[in-house]
């Protein structure tokens, strides 16, 4: 599995390593792989997808707590996948409505999104996970490490 350094992933997702480190230390973001003190942290494709989505959500002035919940739910969906599709259309949708006690978050197709929108939710945030992931992936350096081959 390809892995990237904290510096490469932070830069690809338009954040600083300090921000990302703080989110991790404060429990707002949990990377795929844990580390012991003094070890270098490495990030996989699921981390890149979650952090790219967080970057997209930052533009909407969501709190770090809200983004953390959304990224956590996204990680659960990604755990069941082998990769992000090459084409866009894998949509993360978060919706809020006074008729439901909490937010509904899920990965869906454009057809499913249309069905959701016909139900007239109060608030909906949609992120094209495939598009933001591939955009971040294109910004990563060509050097990667493979699991088990860490320097």
N, C-alpha and C. Protein backbone atom coordinates (compact mmCIF):
# COMPACT_ATOMS: atom_id res chain seq x y z
N UNK A 1 0.85 -1.17 0.00
CA UNK A 1 0.00 0.00 0.00
C UNK A 1 0.89 1.24 0.00
N UNK A 2 0.54 2.22 -0.79
CA UNK A 2 1.30 3.46 -0.83
C UNK A 2 1.05 4.27 0.43
N UNK A 3 2.12 4.88 0.91
CA UNK A 3 2.04 5.71 2.12
C UNK A 3 2.81 7.01 1.85
N UNK A 4 2.34 8.08 2.50
CA UNK A 4 2.97 9.38 2.32
C UNK A 4 3.26 10.00 3.68
N UNK A 5 4.24 10.89 3.71
CA UNK A 5 4.62 11.58 4.95
C UNK A 5 3.58 12.63 5.32
N UNK A 6 3.62 13.06 6.56
CA UNK A 6 2.71 14.11 7.02
C UNK A 6 2.92 15.39 6.22
N UNK A 7 4.16 15.68 5.86
CA UNK A 7 4.45 16.90 5.10
C UNK A 7 3.80 16.85 3.72
N UNK A 8 3.93 15.72 3.04
CA UNK A 8 3.37 15.58 1.69
C UNK A 8 1.85 15.64 1.72
N UNK A 9 1.23 14.94 2.66
CA UNK A 9 -0.24 14.91 2.74
C UNK A 9 -0.79 16.28 3.13
N UNK A 10 -0.17 16.92 4.10
CA UNK A 10 -0.64 18.25 4.51
C UNK A 10 -0.57 19.23 3.34
N UNK A 11 0.52 19.23 2.62
CA UNK A 11 0.66 20.14 1.48
C UNK A 11 -0.37 19.83 0.40
N UNK A 12 -0.59 18.56 0.11
CA UNK A 12 -1.55 18.16 -0.92
C UNK A 12 -2.98 18.55 -0.55
N UNK A 13 -3.25 18.63 0.75
CA UNK A 13 -4.60 18.96 1.23
C UNK A 13 -4.72 20.41 1.70
N UNK A 14 -3.74 21.24 1.33
CA UNK A 14 -3.77 22.68 1.62
C UNK A 14 -3.92 22.99 3.10
N UNK A 15 -3.11 22.31 3.91
CA UNK A 15 -3.08 22.60 5.34
C UNK A 15 -1.63 22.53 5.79
N UNK A 16 -1.38 23.00 6.98
CA UNK A 16 -0.02 22.94 7.50
C UNK A 16 0.17 21.65 8.29
N UNK A 17 1.42 21.24 8.42
CA UNK A 17 1.69 20.06 9.24
C UNK A 17 1.33 20.33 10.69
N UNK A 18 1.47 21.59 11.12
CA UNK A 18 1.08 21.96 12.49
C UNK A 18 -0.41 21.76 12.73
N UNK A 19 -1.23 22.21 11.76
CA UNK A 19 -2.68 22.01 11.89
C UNK A 19 -3.02 20.52 11.98
N UNK A 20 -2.47 19.76 11.06
CA UNK A 20 -2.76 18.33 11.03
C UNK A 20 -2.29 17.65 12.31
N UNK A 21 -1.10 17.99 12.77
CA UNK A 21 -0.59 17.41 14.02
C UNK A 21 -1.48 17.75 15.20
N UNK A 22 -1.96 18.99 15.26
CA UNK A 22 -2.86 19.39 16.35
C UNK A 22 -4.18 18.63 16.28
N UNK A 23 -4.74 18.49 15.09
CA UNK A 23 -6.00 17.76 14.96
C UNK A 23 -5.83 16.32 15.45
N UNK A 24 -4.68 15.72 15.13
CA UNK A 24 -4.43 14.35 15.57
C UNK A 24 -4.26 14.31 17.08
N UNK A 25 -3.44 15.19 17.64
CA UNK A 25 -3.18 15.16 19.08
C UNK A 25 -4.42 15.49 19.91
N UNK A 26 -5.33 16.28 19.35
CA UNK A 26 -6.56 16.64 20.07
C UNK A 26 -7.71 15.68 19.79
N UNK A 27 -7.45 14.66 19.00
CA UNK A 27 -8.47 13.66 18.73
C UNK A 27 -9.49 14.03 17.67
N UNK A 28 -9.23 15.10 16.91
CA UNK A 28 -10.16 15.50 15.86
C UNK A 28 -9.98 14.67 14.60
N UNK A 29 -8.80 14.10 14.42
CA UNK A 29 -8.56 13.25 13.27
C UNK A 29 -7.72 12.06 13.71
N UNK A 30 -8.13 10.87 13.29
CA UNK A 30 -7.39 9.66 13.65
C UNK A 30 -6.87 9.00 12.37
N UNK A 31 -5.57 9.06 12.14
CA UNK A 31 -4.99 8.44 10.95
C UNK A 31 -5.20 6.92 10.94
N UNK A 32 -5.05 6.35 9.77
CA UNK A 32 -5.22 4.90 9.62
C UNK A 32 -4.25 4.11 10.47
N UNK A 33 -3.03 4.61 10.59
CA UNK A 33 -2.02 3.89 11.35
C UNK A 33 -1.57 4.71 12.55
N UNK A 34 -1.62 4.09 13.71
CA UNK A 34 -1.13 4.74 14.91
C UNK A 34 0.39 4.65 14.98
N UNK A 35 0.97 5.50 15.79
CA UNK A 35 2.42 5.47 15.97
C UNK A 35 2.74 5.60 17.45
N UNK A 36 3.91 5.13 17.80
CA UNK A 36 4.41 5.33 19.16
C UNK A 36 5.21 6.62 19.18
N UNK A 37 5.39 7.23 20.34
CA UNK A 37 6.17 8.47 20.41
C UNK A 37 7.54 8.29 19.77
N UNK A 38 7.92 9.30 18.98
CA UNK A 38 9.21 9.28 18.31
C UNK A 38 9.20 8.65 16.93
N UNK A 39 8.11 7.97 16.58
CA UNK A 39 8.02 7.37 15.25
C UNK A 39 7.48 8.37 14.25
N UNK A 40 7.88 8.20 12.98
CA UNK A 40 7.32 9.03 11.91
C UNK A 40 5.92 8.55 11.59
N UNK A 41 5.07 9.49 11.27
CA UNK A 41 3.69 9.17 10.93
C UNK A 41 3.57 9.06 9.41
N UNK A 42 2.84 8.03 8.94
CA UNK A 42 2.61 7.82 7.52
C UNK A 42 1.11 7.76 7.27
N UNK A 43 0.70 8.20 6.09
CA UNK A 43 -0.71 8.30 5.75
C UNK A 43 -1.00 7.50 4.48
N UNK A 44 -2.14 6.81 4.46
CA UNK A 44 -2.51 6.02 3.29
C UNK A 44 -3.58 6.73 2.45
N UNK A 45 -4.10 6.06 1.44
CA UNK A 45 -5.07 6.68 0.53
C UNK A 45 -6.36 7.06 1.24
N UNK A 46 -6.75 6.29 2.26
CA UNK A 46 -7.97 6.64 3.01
C UNK A 46 -7.77 7.94 3.78
N UNK A 47 -6.58 8.10 4.36
CA UNK A 47 -6.26 9.36 5.04
C UNK A 47 -6.29 10.51 4.06
N UNK A 48 -5.69 10.32 2.89
CA UNK A 48 -5.67 11.37 1.88
C UNK A 48 -7.09 11.77 1.50
N UNK A 49 -7.97 10.79 1.30
CA UNK A 49 -9.36 11.09 0.94
C UNK A 49 -10.06 11.86 2.06
N UNK A 50 -9.91 11.41 3.30
CA UNK A 50 -10.57 12.09 4.43
C UNK A 50 -10.05 13.51 4.59
N UNK A 51 -8.74 13.69 4.49
CA UNK A 51 -8.17 15.03 4.67
C UNK A 51 -8.51 15.95 3.50
N UNK A 52 -8.63 15.40 2.30
CA UNK A 52 -9.06 16.20 1.15
C UNK A 52 -10.51 16.66 1.34
N UNK A 53 -11.35 15.79 1.89
CA UNK A 53 -12.74 16.17 2.18
C UNK A 53 -12.77 17.23 3.28
N UNK A 54 -11.97 17.06 4.32
CA UNK A 54 -11.91 18.08 5.38
C UNK A 54 -11.52 19.42 4.78
N UNK A 55 -10.54 19.43 3.89
CA UNK A 55 -10.14 20.68 3.24
C UNK A 55 -11.30 21.29 2.48
N UNK A 56 -12.08 20.48 1.77
CA UNK A 56 -13.24 20.99 1.04
C UNK A 56 -14.29 21.54 2.01
N UNK A 57 -14.46 20.90 3.16
CA UNK A 57 -15.45 21.36 4.14
C UNK A 57 -15.02 22.64 4.84
N UNK A 58 -13.71 22.87 4.96
CA UNK A 58 -13.21 24.08 5.62
C UNK A 58 -13.71 25.33 4.92
N UNK A 59 -13.91 25.25 3.62
CA UNK A 59 -14.37 26.40 2.84
C UNK A 59 -15.79 26.82 3.22
N UNK A 60 -16.48 25.94 3.94
CA UNK A 60 -17.86 26.23 4.35
C UNK A 60 -17.95 26.62 5.82
N UNK A 61 -16.81 26.90 6.42
CA UNK A 61 -16.72 27.39 7.80
C UNK A 61 -17.34 26.44 8.82
N UNK A 62 -17.24 25.15 8.57
CA UNK A 62 -17.70 24.19 9.57
C UNK A 62 -16.69 24.14 10.71
N UNK A 63 -17.16 23.81 11.89
CA UNK A 63 -16.25 23.68 13.02
C UNK A 63 -15.40 22.42 12.84
N UNK A 64 -14.27 22.36 13.51
CA UNK A 64 -13.42 21.19 13.43
C UNK A 64 -14.15 19.98 13.99
N UNK A 65 -15.02 20.18 14.99
CA UNK A 65 -15.78 19.06 15.54
C UNK A 65 -16.73 18.47 14.49
N UNK A 66 -17.41 19.34 13.73
CA UNK A 66 -18.33 18.86 12.69
C UNK A 66 -17.54 18.14 11.59
N UNK A 67 -16.41 18.73 11.19
CA UNK A 67 -15.60 18.09 10.15
C UNK A 67 -15.04 16.75 10.64
N UNK A 68 -14.70 16.69 11.91
CA UNK A 68 -14.18 15.46 12.50
C UNK A 68 -15.22 14.35 12.45
N UNK A 69 -16.46 14.67 12.79
CA UNK A 69 -17.53 13.67 12.74
C UNK A 69 -17.75 13.17 11.31
N UNK A 70 -17.77 14.10 10.37
CA UNK A 70 -17.98 13.74 8.97
C UNK A 70 -16.82 12.87 8.47
N UNK A 71 -15.58 13.26 8.79
CA UNK A 71 -14.41 12.48 8.35
C UNK A 71 -14.41 11.10 9.00
N UNK A 72 -14.83 11.01 10.25
CA UNK A 72 -14.91 9.71 10.92
C UNK A 72 -15.90 8.78 10.25
N UNK A 73 -17.06 9.32 9.89
CA UNK A 73 -18.06 8.52 9.18
C UNK A 73 -17.55 8.13 7.79
N UNK A 74 -16.88 9.06 7.11
CA UNK A 74 -16.33 8.76 5.80
C UNK A 74 -15.32 7.62 5.90
N UNK A 75 -14.48 7.65 6.92
CA UNK A 75 -13.47 6.60 7.10
C UNK A 75 -14.13 5.23 7.20
N UNK A 76 -15.27 5.14 7.88
CA UNK A 76 -15.97 3.85 8.00
C UNK A 76 -16.42 3.35 6.63
N UNK A 77 -16.90 4.24 5.80
CA UNK A 77 -17.31 3.85 4.44
C UNK A 77 -16.09 3.43 3.62
N UNK A 78 -15.01 4.19 3.74
CA UNK A 78 -13.81 3.88 2.96
C UNK A 78 -13.17 2.57 3.38
N UNK A 79 -13.36 2.17 4.63
CA UNK A 79 -12.79 0.91 5.12
C UNK A 79 -13.34 -0.28 4.34
N UNK A 80 -14.51 -0.12 3.76
CA UNK A 80 -15.13 -1.20 2.99
C UNK A 80 -14.73 -1.16 1.51
N UNK A 81 -13.91 -0.20 1.13
CA UNK A 81 -13.54 -0.03 -0.28
C UNK A 81 -12.06 -0.36 -0.49
N UNK A 82 -11.73 -0.76 -1.72
CA UNK A 82 -10.34 -1.04 -2.08
C UNK A 82 -9.64 0.18 -2.64
N UNK A 83 -10.42 1.11 -3.21
CA UNK A 83 -9.85 2.32 -3.78
C UNK A 83 -10.97 3.31 -4.08
N UNK A 84 -10.57 4.54 -4.37
CA UNK A 84 -11.50 5.58 -4.80
C UNK A 84 -11.67 5.44 -6.32
N UNK A 85 -12.89 5.50 -6.82
CA UNK A 85 -13.08 5.40 -8.28
C UNK A 85 -12.34 6.52 -9.01
N UNK A 86 -11.95 6.23 -10.25
CA UNK A 86 -11.23 7.21 -11.05
C UNK A 86 -12.11 8.38 -11.49
N UNK A 87 -13.39 8.13 -11.68
CA UNK A 87 -14.27 9.22 -12.12
C UNK A 87 -15.03 9.80 -10.94
N UNK A 88 -15.46 11.03 -11.10
CA UNK A 88 -16.23 11.65 -10.02
C UNK A 88 -17.60 10.98 -9.96
N UNK A 89 -18.33 11.27 -8.92
CA UNK A 89 -19.65 10.68 -8.76
C UNK A 89 -19.77 9.91 -7.46
N UNK A 90 -18.67 9.80 -6.70
CA UNK A 90 -18.74 9.23 -5.37
C UNK A 90 -18.92 10.41 -4.44
N UNK A 91 -20.14 10.63 -4.00
CA UNK A 91 -20.48 11.84 -3.27
C UNK A 91 -20.65 11.57 -1.79
N UNK A 92 -20.05 12.41 -0.97
CA UNK A 92 -20.28 12.38 0.47
C UNK A 92 -21.35 13.40 0.73
N UNK A 93 -22.40 12.98 1.39
CA UNK A 93 -23.51 13.89 1.65
C UNK A 93 -23.77 13.93 3.15
N UNK A 94 -23.81 15.12 3.69
CA UNK A 94 -24.19 15.32 5.09
C UNK A 94 -25.44 16.18 5.08
N UNK A 95 -26.48 15.72 5.74
CA UNK A 95 -27.72 16.50 5.76
C UNK A 95 -28.24 16.63 7.17
N UNK A 96 -28.87 17.76 7.42
CA UNK A 96 -29.46 18.05 8.72
C UNK A 96 -30.91 18.47 8.49
N UNK A 97 -31.76 18.09 9.40
CA UNK A 97 -33.17 18.42 9.27
C UNK A 97 -33.78 18.42 10.67
N UNK A 98 -34.70 19.32 10.92
CA UNK A 98 -35.32 19.35 12.25
C UNK A 98 -36.16 18.11 12.50
N UNK A 99 -36.51 17.36 11.47
CA UNK A 99 -37.30 16.14 11.64
C UNK A 99 -36.45 14.96 12.09
N UNK A 100 -35.14 15.09 12.03
CA UNK A 100 -34.27 14.01 12.48
C UNK A 100 -33.36 14.54 13.58
N UNK A 101 -33.04 13.71 14.56
CA UNK A 101 -32.27 14.18 15.72
C UNK A 101 -30.83 14.56 15.42
N UNK A 102 -30.20 13.96 14.44
CA UNK A 102 -28.79 14.25 14.14
C UNK A 102 -28.57 14.33 12.66
N UNK A 103 -27.31 14.42 12.30
CA UNK A 103 -26.99 14.51 10.89
C UNK A 103 -26.96 13.12 10.25
N UNK A 104 -27.25 13.08 8.99
CA UNK A 104 -27.16 11.85 8.21
C UNK A 104 -25.98 12.02 7.27
N UNK A 105 -25.07 11.08 7.31
CA UNK A 105 -23.88 11.16 6.48
C UNK A 105 -23.74 9.86 5.72
N UNK A 106 -23.43 9.96 4.44
CA UNK A 106 -23.24 8.75 3.66
C UNK A 106 -22.61 9.01 2.32
N UNK A 107 -22.08 7.95 1.74
CA UNK A 107 -21.58 8.01 0.37
C UNK A 107 -22.73 7.60 -0.53
N UNK A 108 -22.91 8.35 -1.59
CA UNK A 108 -24.04 8.05 -2.47
C UNK A 108 -23.73 8.44 -3.90
N UNK A 109 -24.55 7.92 -4.77
CA UNK A 109 -24.44 8.25 -6.20
C UNK A 109 -25.25 9.51 -6.47
N UNK A 110 -25.13 10.02 -7.68
CA UNK A 110 -25.92 11.20 -8.05
C UNK A 110 -27.41 10.90 -8.00
N UNK A 111 -27.81 9.69 -8.36
CA UNK A 111 -29.22 9.30 -8.31
C UNK A 111 -29.73 9.33 -6.88
N UNK A 112 -28.94 8.79 -5.96
CA UNK A 112 -29.35 8.79 -4.55
C UNK A 112 -29.40 10.21 -3.99
N UNK A 113 -28.48 11.06 -4.44
CA UNK A 113 -28.50 12.46 -4.01
C UNK A 113 -29.78 13.14 -4.47
N UNK A 114 -30.19 12.89 -5.70
CA UNK A 114 -31.45 13.48 -6.21
C UNK A 114 -32.63 13.03 -5.36
N UNK A 115 -32.64 11.75 -4.97
CA UNK A 115 -33.71 11.24 -4.11
C UNK A 115 -33.70 11.97 -2.76
N UNK A 116 -32.52 12.18 -2.20
CA UNK A 116 -32.40 12.90 -0.93
C UNK A 116 -32.91 14.33 -1.07
N UNK A 117 -32.53 14.99 -2.14
CA UNK A 117 -32.94 16.38 -2.33
C UNK A 117 -34.45 16.51 -2.51
N UNK A 118 -35.08 15.49 -3.08
CA UNK A 118 -36.54 15.52 -3.22
C UNK A 118 -37.25 15.43 -1.88
N UNK A 119 -36.54 14.98 -0.84
CA UNK A 119 -37.14 14.91 0.49
C UNK A 119 -37.08 16.25 1.21
N UNK A 120 -36.49 17.27 0.58
CA UNK A 120 -36.42 18.64 1.08
C UNK A 120 -35.75 18.77 2.46
N UNK A 121 -34.52 18.26 2.60
CA UNK A 121 -33.82 18.47 3.87
C UNK A 121 -33.50 19.95 4.05
N UNK A 122 -33.37 20.38 5.29
CA UNK A 122 -33.07 21.79 5.56
C UNK A 122 -31.69 22.18 5.08
N UNK A 123 -30.70 21.36 5.38
CA UNK A 123 -29.31 21.67 5.05
C UNK A 123 -28.65 20.43 4.46
N UNK A 124 -27.92 20.63 3.38
CA UNK A 124 -27.20 19.53 2.75
C UNK A 124 -25.82 20.05 2.33
N UNK A 125 -24.80 19.29 2.66
CA UNK A 125 -23.46 19.58 2.18
C UNK A 125 -23.02 18.37 1.38
N UNK A 126 -22.57 18.62 0.17
CA UNK A 126 -22.15 17.54 -0.72
C UNK A 126 -20.70 17.78 -1.13
N UNK A 127 -19.89 16.75 -1.02
CA UNK A 127 -18.50 16.82 -1.48
C UNK A 127 -18.27 15.65 -2.43
N UNK A 128 -17.73 15.94 -3.60
CA UNK A 128 -17.37 14.90 -4.55
C UNK A 128 -16.04 14.30 -4.07
N UNK A 129 -16.14 13.20 -3.35
CA UNK A 129 -14.97 12.58 -2.73
C UNK A 129 -13.92 12.21 -3.78
N UNK A 130 -14.37 11.62 -4.87
CA UNK A 130 -13.43 11.21 -5.92
C UNK A 130 -12.67 12.42 -6.48
N UNK A 131 -13.37 13.51 -6.72
CA UNK A 131 -12.73 14.69 -7.31
C UNK A 131 -11.71 15.31 -6.36
N UNK A 132 -12.07 15.50 -5.08
CA UNK A 132 -11.12 16.13 -4.15
C UNK A 132 -9.95 15.19 -3.85
N UNK A 133 -10.22 13.88 -3.82
CA UNK A 133 -9.14 12.90 -3.60
C UNK A 133 -8.14 12.95 -4.75
N UNK A 134 -8.64 12.87 -5.97
CA UNK A 134 -7.73 12.85 -7.13
C UNK A 134 -6.99 14.18 -7.29
N UNK A 135 -7.62 15.26 -6.90
CA UNK A 135 -6.95 16.56 -6.92
C UNK A 135 -5.77 16.56 -5.94
N UNK A 136 -6.00 16.06 -4.72
CA UNK A 136 -4.93 15.98 -3.72
C UNK A 136 -3.86 14.98 -4.16
N UNK A 137 -4.28 13.86 -4.72
CA UNK A 137 -3.33 12.84 -5.17
C UNK A 137 -2.38 13.40 -6.23
N UNK A 138 -2.90 14.23 -7.10
CA UNK A 138 -2.08 14.82 -8.16
C UNK A 138 -1.02 15.77 -7.60
N UNK A 139 -1.22 16.28 -6.39
CA UNK A 139 -0.28 17.21 -5.77
C UNK A 139 0.81 16.50 -4.97
N UNK A 140 0.69 15.20 -4.80
CA UNK A 140 1.67 14.45 -4.01
C UNK A 140 2.95 14.22 -4.81
N UNK A 141 4.08 14.16 -4.12
CA UNK A 141 5.33 13.87 -4.82
C UNK A 141 5.30 12.46 -5.39
N UNK A 142 6.10 12.24 -6.40
CA UNK A 142 6.11 10.92 -7.05
C UNK A 142 6.72 9.85 -6.14
N UNK A 143 7.58 10.25 -5.21
CA UNK A 143 8.17 9.26 -4.31
C UNK A 143 7.15 8.89 -3.24
N UNK A 144 6.90 7.62 -3.13
CA UNK A 144 6.04 7.10 -2.07
C UNK A 144 6.75 5.92 -1.46
N UNK A 145 6.25 5.48 -0.35
CA UNK A 145 6.80 4.27 0.23
C UNK A 145 5.73 3.20 0.18
N UNK A 146 6.15 1.98 0.21
CA UNK A 146 5.22 0.86 0.26
C UNK A 146 5.22 0.33 1.67
N UNK A 147 4.08 -0.16 2.11
CA UNK A 147 3.98 -0.70 3.46
C UNK A 147 5.10 -1.72 3.67
N UNK A 148 5.77 -1.59 4.79
CA UNK A 148 6.86 -2.50 5.11
C UNK A 148 8.21 -2.02 4.62
N UNK A 149 8.23 -0.96 3.82
CA UNK A 149 9.50 -0.47 3.27
C UNK A 149 9.80 0.93 3.78
N UNK A 150 9.42 1.19 4.99
CA UNK A 150 9.63 2.53 5.55
C UNK A 150 11.11 2.77 5.82
N UNK A 151 11.56 4.00 5.56
CA UNK A 151 12.96 4.33 5.84
C UNK A 151 13.24 4.34 7.33
